[in-house]
PDB file of all heavy atoms in Angstrom:
ATOM      1  N   PHE A   1     105.838  91.786 120.024  1.00  0.00           N
ATOM      2  CA  PHE A   1     105.804  93.056 119.296  1.00  0.00           C
ATOM      3  C   PHE A   1     105.197  94.215 120.102  1.00  0.00           C
ATOM      4  O   PHE A   1     105.188  95.354 119.630  1.00  0.00           O
ATOM      5  CB  PHE A   1     104.978  92.896 117.998  1.00  0.00           C
ATOM      6  CG  PHE A   1     105.441  91.778 117.128  1.00  0.00           C
ATOM      7  CD1 PHE A   1     104.677  90.630 116.986  1.00  0.00           C
ATOM      8  CD2 PHE A   1     106.646  91.847 116.445  1.00  0.00           C
ATOM      9  CE1 PHE A   1     105.095  89.585 116.174  1.00  0.00           C
ATOM     10  CE2 PHE A   1     107.069  90.809 115.638  1.00  0.00           C
ATOM     11  CZ  PHE A   1     106.292  89.672 115.503  1.00  0.00           C
ATOM     12  N   GLY A   2     104.686  93.922 121.296  1.00  0.00           N
ATOM     13  CA  GLY A   2     103.956  94.947 122.036  1.00  0.00           C
ATOM     14  C   GLY A   2     102.513  95.005 121.578  1.00  0.00           C
ATOM     15  O   GLY A   2     102.155  94.510 120.502  1.00  0.00           O
ATOM     16  N   TRP A   3     101.672  95.621 122.382  1.00  0.00           N
ATOM     17  CA  TRP A   3     100.239  95.670 122.075  1.00  0.00           C
ATOM     18  C   TRP A   3      99.936  96.568 120.882  1.00  0.00           C
ATOM     19  O   TRP A   3      99.138  96.237 120.020  1.00  0.00           O
ATOM     20  CB  TRP A   3      99.466  96.127 123.307  1.00  0.00           C
ATOM     21  CG  TRP A   3      97.988  96.253 123.096  1.00  0.00           C
ATOM     22  CD1 TRP A   3      97.240  97.391 123.112  1.00  0.00           C
ATOM     23  CD2 TRP A   3      97.058  95.181 122.840  1.00  0.00           C
ATOM     24  NE1 TRP A   3      95.920  97.110 122.878  1.00  0.00           N
ATOM     25  CE2 TRP A   3      95.783  95.751 122.709  1.00  0.00           C
ATOM     26  CE3 TRP A   3      97.199  93.796 122.709  1.00  0.00           C
ATOM     27  CZ2 TRP A   3      94.644  95.003 122.458  1.00  0.00           C
ATOM     28  CZ3 TRP A   3      96.067  93.040 122.448  1.00  0.00           C
ATOM     29  CH2 TRP A   3      94.812  93.644 122.329  1.00  0.00           C
ATOM     30  N   GLY A   4     100.588  97.721 120.799  1.00  0.00           N
ATOM     31  CA  GLY A   4     100.342  98.644 119.696  1.00  0.00           C
ATOM     32  C   GLY A   4      99.148  99.537 119.947  1.00  0.00           C
ATOM     33  O   GLY A   4      98.343  99.310 120.847  1.00  0.00           O
ATOM     34  N   GLU A   5      99.030 100.553 119.119  1.00  0.00           N
ATOM     35  CA  GLU A   5      97.953 101.526 119.295  1.00  0.00           C
ATOM     36  C   GLU A   5      96.711 101.169 118.510  1.00  0.00           C
ATOM     37  O   GLU A   5      95.614 101.604 118.839  1.00  0.00           O
ATOM     38  CB  GLU A   5      98.439 102.914 118.873  1.00  0.00           C
ATOM     39  CG  GLU A   5      99.586 103.453 119.741  1.00  0.00           C
ATOM     40  CD  GLU A   5     100.013 104.837 119.309  1.00  0.00           C
ATOM     41  OE1 GLU A   5      99.471 105.338 118.297  1.00  0.00           O
ATOM     42  OE2 GLU A   5     100.886 105.417 119.977  1.00  0.00           O
ATOM     43  N   ARG A   6      96.878 100.400 117.450  1.00  0.00           N
ATOM     44  CA  ARG A   6      95.728 100.031 116.629  1.00  0.00           C
ATOM     45  C   ARG A   6      96.060  98.783 115.824  1.00  0.00           C
ATOM     46  O   ARG A   6      97.224  98.370 115.732  1.00  0.00           O
ATOM     47  CB  ARG A   6      95.346 101.177 115.694  1.00  0.00           C
ATOM     48  CG  ARG A   6      96.513 101.719 114.879  1.00  0.00           C
ATOM     49  CD  ARG A   6      96.129 102.987 114.158  1.00  0.00           C
ATOM     50  NE  ARG A   6      97.281 103.632 113.540  1.00  0.00           N
ATOM     51  CZ  ARG A   6      97.211 104.746 112.845  1.00  0.00           C
ATOM     52  NH1 ARG A   6      96.048 105.359 112.695  1.00  0.00           N
ATOM     53  NH2 ARG A   6      98.289 105.280 112.303  1.00  0.00           N
ATOM     54  N   THR A   7      95.037  98.194 115.239  1.00  0.00           N
ATOM     55  CA  THR A   7      95.220  96.993 114.429  1.00  0.00           C
ATOM     56  C   THR A   7      95.565  97.383 113.001  1.00  0.00           C
ATOM     57  O   THR A   7      94.916  98.240 112.411  1.00  0.00           O
ATOM     58  CB  THR A   7      93.936  96.136 114.439  1.00  0.00           C
ATOM     59  OG1 THR A   7      93.623  95.793 115.790  1.00  0.00           O
ATOM     60  CG2 THR A   7      94.134  94.860 113.630  1.00  0.00           C
ATOM     61  N   VAL A   8      96.592  96.743 112.454  1.00  0.00           N
ATOM     62  CA  VAL A   8      97.011  97.001 111.079  1.00  0.00           C
ATOM     63  C   VAL A   8      96.996  95.687 110.317  1.00  0.00           C
ATOM     64  O   VAL A   8      97.638  94.721 110.717  1.00  0.00           O
ATOM     65  CB  VAL A   8      98.425  97.607 111.020  1.00  0.00           C
ATOM     66  CG1 VAL A   8      98.802  97.908 109.570  1.00  0.00           C
ATOM     67  CG2 VAL A   8      98.510  98.856 111.861  1.00  0.00           C
ATOM     68  N   VAL A   9      96.235  95.638 109.228  1.00  0.00           N
ATOM     69  CA  VAL A   9      96.184  94.464 108.361  1.00  0.00           C
ATOM     70  C   VAL A   9      96.535  94.936 106.961  1.00  0.00           C
ATOM     71  O   VAL A   9      95.751  95.641 106.327  1.00  0.00           O
ATOM     72  CB  VAL A   9      94.793  93.796 108.379  1.00  0.00           C
ATOM     73  CG1 VAL A   9      94.803  92.551 107.494  1.00  0.00           C
ATOM     74  CG2 VAL A   9      94.384  93.435 109.791  1.00  0.00           C
ATOM     75  N   GLY A  10      97.729  94.550 106.498  1.00  0.00           N
ATOM     76  CA  GLY A  10      98.205  95.092 105.237  1.00  0.00           C
ATOM     77  C   GLY A  10      98.463  96.577 105.418  1.00  0.00           C
ATOM     78  O   GLY A  10      99.282  96.981 106.223  1.00  0.00           O
ATOM     79  N   GLU A  11      97.721  97.382 104.692  1.00  0.00           N
ATOM     80  CA  GLU A  11      97.814  98.829 104.850  1.00  0.00           C
ATOM     81  C   GLU A  11      96.497  99.415 105.352  1.00  0.00           C
ATOM     82  O   GLU A  11      96.260 100.616 105.238  1.00  0.00           O
ATOM     83  CB  GLU A  11      98.224  99.479 103.530  1.00  0.00           C
ATOM     84  CG  GLU A  11      99.611  99.073 103.061  1.00  0.00           C
ATOM     85  CD  GLU A  11     100.039  99.797 101.811  1.00  0.00           C
ATOM     86  OE1 GLU A  11      99.215 100.581 101.275  1.00  0.00           O
ATOM     87  OE2 GLU A  11     101.179  99.593 101.354  1.00  0.00           O
ATOM     88  N   ILE A  12      95.657  98.565 105.903  1.00  0.00           N
ATOM     89  CA  ILE A  12      94.357  99.007 106.425  1.00  0.00           C
ATOM     90  C   ILE A  12      94.458  99.129 107.936  1.00  0.00           C
ATOM     91  O   ILE A  12      94.908  98.218 108.620  1.00  0.00           O
ATOM     92  CB  ILE A  12      93.235  98.016 106.041  1.00  0.00           C
ATOM     93  CG1 ILE A  12      93.168  97.874 104.518  1.00  0.00           C
ATOM     94  CG2 ILE A  12      91.899  98.488 106.597  1.00  0.00           C
ATOM     95  CD1 ILE A  12      92.150  96.855 104.054  1.00  0.00           C
ATOM     96  N   PHE A  13      94.037 100.271 108.446  1.00  0.00           N
ATOM     97  CA  PHE A  13      94.080 100.522 109.882  1.00  0.00           C
ATOM     98  C   PHE A  13      92.689 100.328 110.484  1.00  0.00           C
ATOM     99  O   PHE A  13      91.677 100.734 109.902  1.00  0.00           O
ATOM    100  CB  PHE A  13      94.539 101.964 110.163  1.00  0.00           C
ATOM    101  CG  PHE A  13      95.972 102.216 109.814  1.00  0.00           C
ATOM    102  CD1 PHE A  13      96.331 102.614 108.539  1.00  0.00           C
ATOM    103  CD2 PHE A  13      96.968 102.054 110.764  1.00  0.00           C
ATOM    104  CE1 PHE A  13      97.647 102.858 108.208  1.00  0.00           C
ATOM    105  CE2 PHE A  13      98.291 102.287 110.449  1.00  0.00           C
ATOM    106  CZ  PHE A  13      98.634 102.691 109.168  1.00  0.00           C
ATOM    107  N   TYR A  14      92.668  99.691 111.643  1.00  0.00           N
ATOM    108  CA  TYR A  14      91.440  99.561 112.427  1.00  0.00           C
ATOM    109  C   TYR A  14      91.696 100.171 113.796  1.00  0.00           C
ATOM    110  O   TYR A  14      92.800 100.071 114.326  1.00  0.00           O
ATOM    111  CB  TYR A  14      91.036  98.082 112.574  1.00  0.00           C
ATOM    112  CG  TYR A  14      90.739  97.390 111.273  1.00  0.00           C
ATOM    113  CD1 TYR A  14      91.746  96.717 110.583  1.00  0.00           C
ATOM    114  CD2 TYR A  14      89.467  97.408 110.731  1.00  0.00           C
ATOM    115  CE1 TYR A  14      91.485  96.074 109.381  1.00  0.00           C
ATOM    116  CE2 TYR A  14      89.197  96.764 109.529  1.00  0.00           C
ATOM    117  CZ  TYR A  14      90.206  96.102 108.861  1.00  0.00           C
ATOM    118  OH  TYR A  14      89.937  95.474 107.673  1.00  0.00           O
ATOM    119  N   PRO A  15      90.683 100.792 114.391  1.00  0.00           N
ATOM    120  CA  PRO A  15      90.888 101.380 115.720  1.00  0.00           C
ATOM    121  C   PRO A  15      91.184 100.315 116.753  1.00  0.00           C
ATOM    122  O   PRO A  15      90.930  99.128 116.536  1.00  0.00           O
ATOM    123  CB  PRO A  15      89.550 102.078 115.999  1.00  0.00           C
ATOM    124  CG  PRO A  15      88.551 101.365 115.147  1.00  0.00           C
ATOM    125  CD  PRO A  15      89.301 100.964 113.906  1.00  0.00           C
ATOM    126  N   SER A  16      91.720 100.741 117.884  1.00  0.00           N
ATOM    127  CA  SER A  16      92.033  99.805 118.972  1.00  0.00           C
ATOM    128  C   SER A  16      90.773  99.035 119.356  1.00  0.00           C
ATOM    129  O   SER A  16      89.720  99.625 119.589  1.00  0.00           O
ATOM    130  CB  SER A  16      92.566 100.567 120.187  1.00  0.00           C
ATOM    131  OG  SER A  16      92.902  99.674 121.227  1.00  0.00           O
ATOM    132  N   GLY A  17      90.883  97.728 119.389  1.00  0.00           N
ATOM    133  CA  GLY A  17      89.725  96.879 119.666  1.00  0.00           C
ATOM    134  C   GLY A  17      89.053  96.366 118.410  1.00  0.00           C
ATOM    135  O   GLY A  17      88.295  95.396 118.466  1.00  0.00           O
ATOM    136  N   GLY A  18      89.322  97.021 117.270  1.00  0.00           N
ATOM    137  CA  GLY A  18      88.714  96.566 116.022  1.00  0.00           C
ATOM    138  C   GLY A  18      89.218  95.202 115.600  1.00  0.00           C
ATOM    139  O   GLY A  18      88.479  94.398 115.030  1.00  0.00           O
ATOM    140  N   GLY A  19      90.497  94.934 115.896  1.00  0.00           N
ATOM    141  CA  GLY A  19      91.057  93.624 115.554  1.00  0.00           C
ATOM    142  C   GLY A  19      90.390  92.494 116.306  1.00  0.00           C
ATOM    143  O   GLY A  19      90.194  91.407 115.759  1.00  0.00           O
ATOM    144  N   ALA A  20      90.024  92.740 117.570  1.00  0.00           N
ATOM    145  CA  ALA A  20      89.352  91.707 118.369  1.00  0.00           C
ATOM    146  C   ALA A  20      87.987  91.376 117.771  1.00  0.00           C
ATOM    147  O   ALA A  20      87.577  90.209 117.734  1.00  0.00           O
ATOM    148  CB  ALA A  20      89.209  92.176 119.812  1.00  0.00           C
ATOM    149  N   ARG A  21      87.292  92.402 117.293  1.00  0.00           N
ATOM    150  CA  ARG A  21      85.983  92.169 116.670  1.00  0.00           C
ATOM    151  C   ARG A  21      86.141  91.341 115.398  1.00  0.00           C
ATOM    152  O   ARG A  21      85.377  90.394 115.161  1.00  0.00           O
ATOM    153  CB  ARG A  21      85.320  93.512 116.359  1.00  0.00           C
ATOM    154  CG  ARG A  21      84.000  93.394 115.595  1.00  0.00           C
ATOM    155  CD  ARG A  21      83.396  94.769 115.338  1.00  0.00           C
ATOM    156  NE  ARG A  21      84.340  95.648 114.660  1.00  0.00           N
ATOM    157  CZ  ARG A  21      84.553  95.625 113.341  1.00  0.00           C
ATOM    158  NH1 ARG A  21      83.911  94.746 112.581  1.00  0.00           N
ATOM    159  NH2 ARG A  21      85.400  96.462 112.792  1.00  0.00           N
ATOM    160  N   ILE A  22      87.144  91.673 114.584  1.00  0.00           N
ATOM    161  CA  ILE A  22      87.374  90.927 113.351  1.00  0.00           C
ATOM    162  C   ILE A  22      87.787  89.493 113.659  1.00  0.00           C
ATOM    163  O   ILE A  22      87.312  88.539 113.019  1.00  0.00           O
ATOM    164  CB  ILE A  22      88.449  91.627 112.496  1.00  0.00           C
ATOM    165  CG1 ILE A  22      87.937  92.987 112.029  1.00  0.00           C
ATOM    166  CG2 ILE A  22      88.825  90.767 111.289  1.00  0.00           C
ATOM    167  CD1 ILE A  22      88.980  93.827 111.357  1.00  0.00           C
ATOM    168  N   ALA A  23      88.668  89.312 114.640  1.00  0.00           N
ATOM    169  CA  ALA A  23      89.102  87.960 115.019  1.00  0.00           C
ATOM    170  C   ALA A  23      87.914  87.125 115.490  1.00  0.00           C
ATOM    171  O   ALA A  23      87.818  85.934 115.157  1.00  0.00           O
ATOM    172  CB  ALA A  23      90.163  88.038 116.107  1.00  0.00           C
ATOM    173  N   ALA A  24      87.008  87.738 116.261  1.00  0.00           N
ATOM    174  CA  ALA A  24      85.820  87.012 116.729  1.00  0.00           C
ATOM    175  C   ALA A  24      84.934  86.610 115.552  1.00  0.00           C
ATOM    176  O   ALA A  24      84.395  85.484 115.518  1.00  0.00           O
ATOM    177  CB  ALA A  24      85.031  87.886 117.703  1.00  0.00           C
ATOM    178  N   GLN A  25      84.795  87.497 114.553  1.00  0.00           N
ATOM    179  CA  GLN A  25      83.992  87.166 113.377  1.00  0.00           C
ATOM    180  C   GLN A  25      84.627  86.018 112.591  1.00  0.00           C
ATOM    181  O   GLN A  25      83.917  85.118 112.110  1.00  0.00           O
ATOM    182  CB  GLN A  25      83.864  88.405 112.485  1.00  0.00           C
ATOM    183  CG  GLN A  25      82.996  89.500 113.070  1.00  0.00           C
ATOM    184  CD  GLN A  25      83.009  90.765 112.220  1.00  0.00           C
ATOM    185  OE1 GLN A  25      83.898  90.962 111.389  1.00  0.00           O
ATOM    186  NE2 GLN A  25      82.029  91.626 112.421  1.00  0.00           N
ATOM    187  N   ILE A  26      85.958  86.043 112.462  1.00  0.00           N
ATOM    188  CA  ILE A  26      86.647  84.966 111.743  1.00  0.00           C
ATOM    189  C   ILE A  26      86.449  83.629 112.454  1.00  0.00           C
ATOM    190  O   ILE A  26      86.207  82.595 111.818  1.00  0.00           O
ATOM    191  CB  ILE A  26      88.148  85.294 111.600  1.00  0.00           C
ATOM    192  CG1 ILE A  26      88.339  86.485 110.657  1.00  0.00           C
ATOM    193  CG2 ILE A  26      88.925  84.082 111.072  1.00  0.00           C
ATOM    194  CD1 ILE A  26      89.762  86.981 110.572  1.00  0.00           C
ATOM    195  N   VAL A  27      86.548  83.639 113.791  1.00  0.00           N
ATOM    196  CA  VAL A  27      86.343  82.410 114.558  1.00  0.00           C
ATOM    197  C   VAL A  27      84.926  81.883 114.343  1.00  0.00           C
ATOM    198  O   VAL A  27      84.728  80.684 114.083  1.00  0.00           O
ATOM    199  CB  VAL A  27      86.612  82.655 116.054  1.00  0.00           C
ATOM    200  CG1 VAL A  27      86.105  81.481 116.891  1.00  0.00           C
ATOM    201  CG2 VAL A  27      88.104  82.855 116.291  1.00  0.00           C
TER     202      VAL A  27
END
């Protein structure tokens, strides 16, 4: 899908890099 400009979960936007922080918390 390509890297994209920001993280999108549902209709919630997170800034670039925010998804990595959330993924680390989930792990």
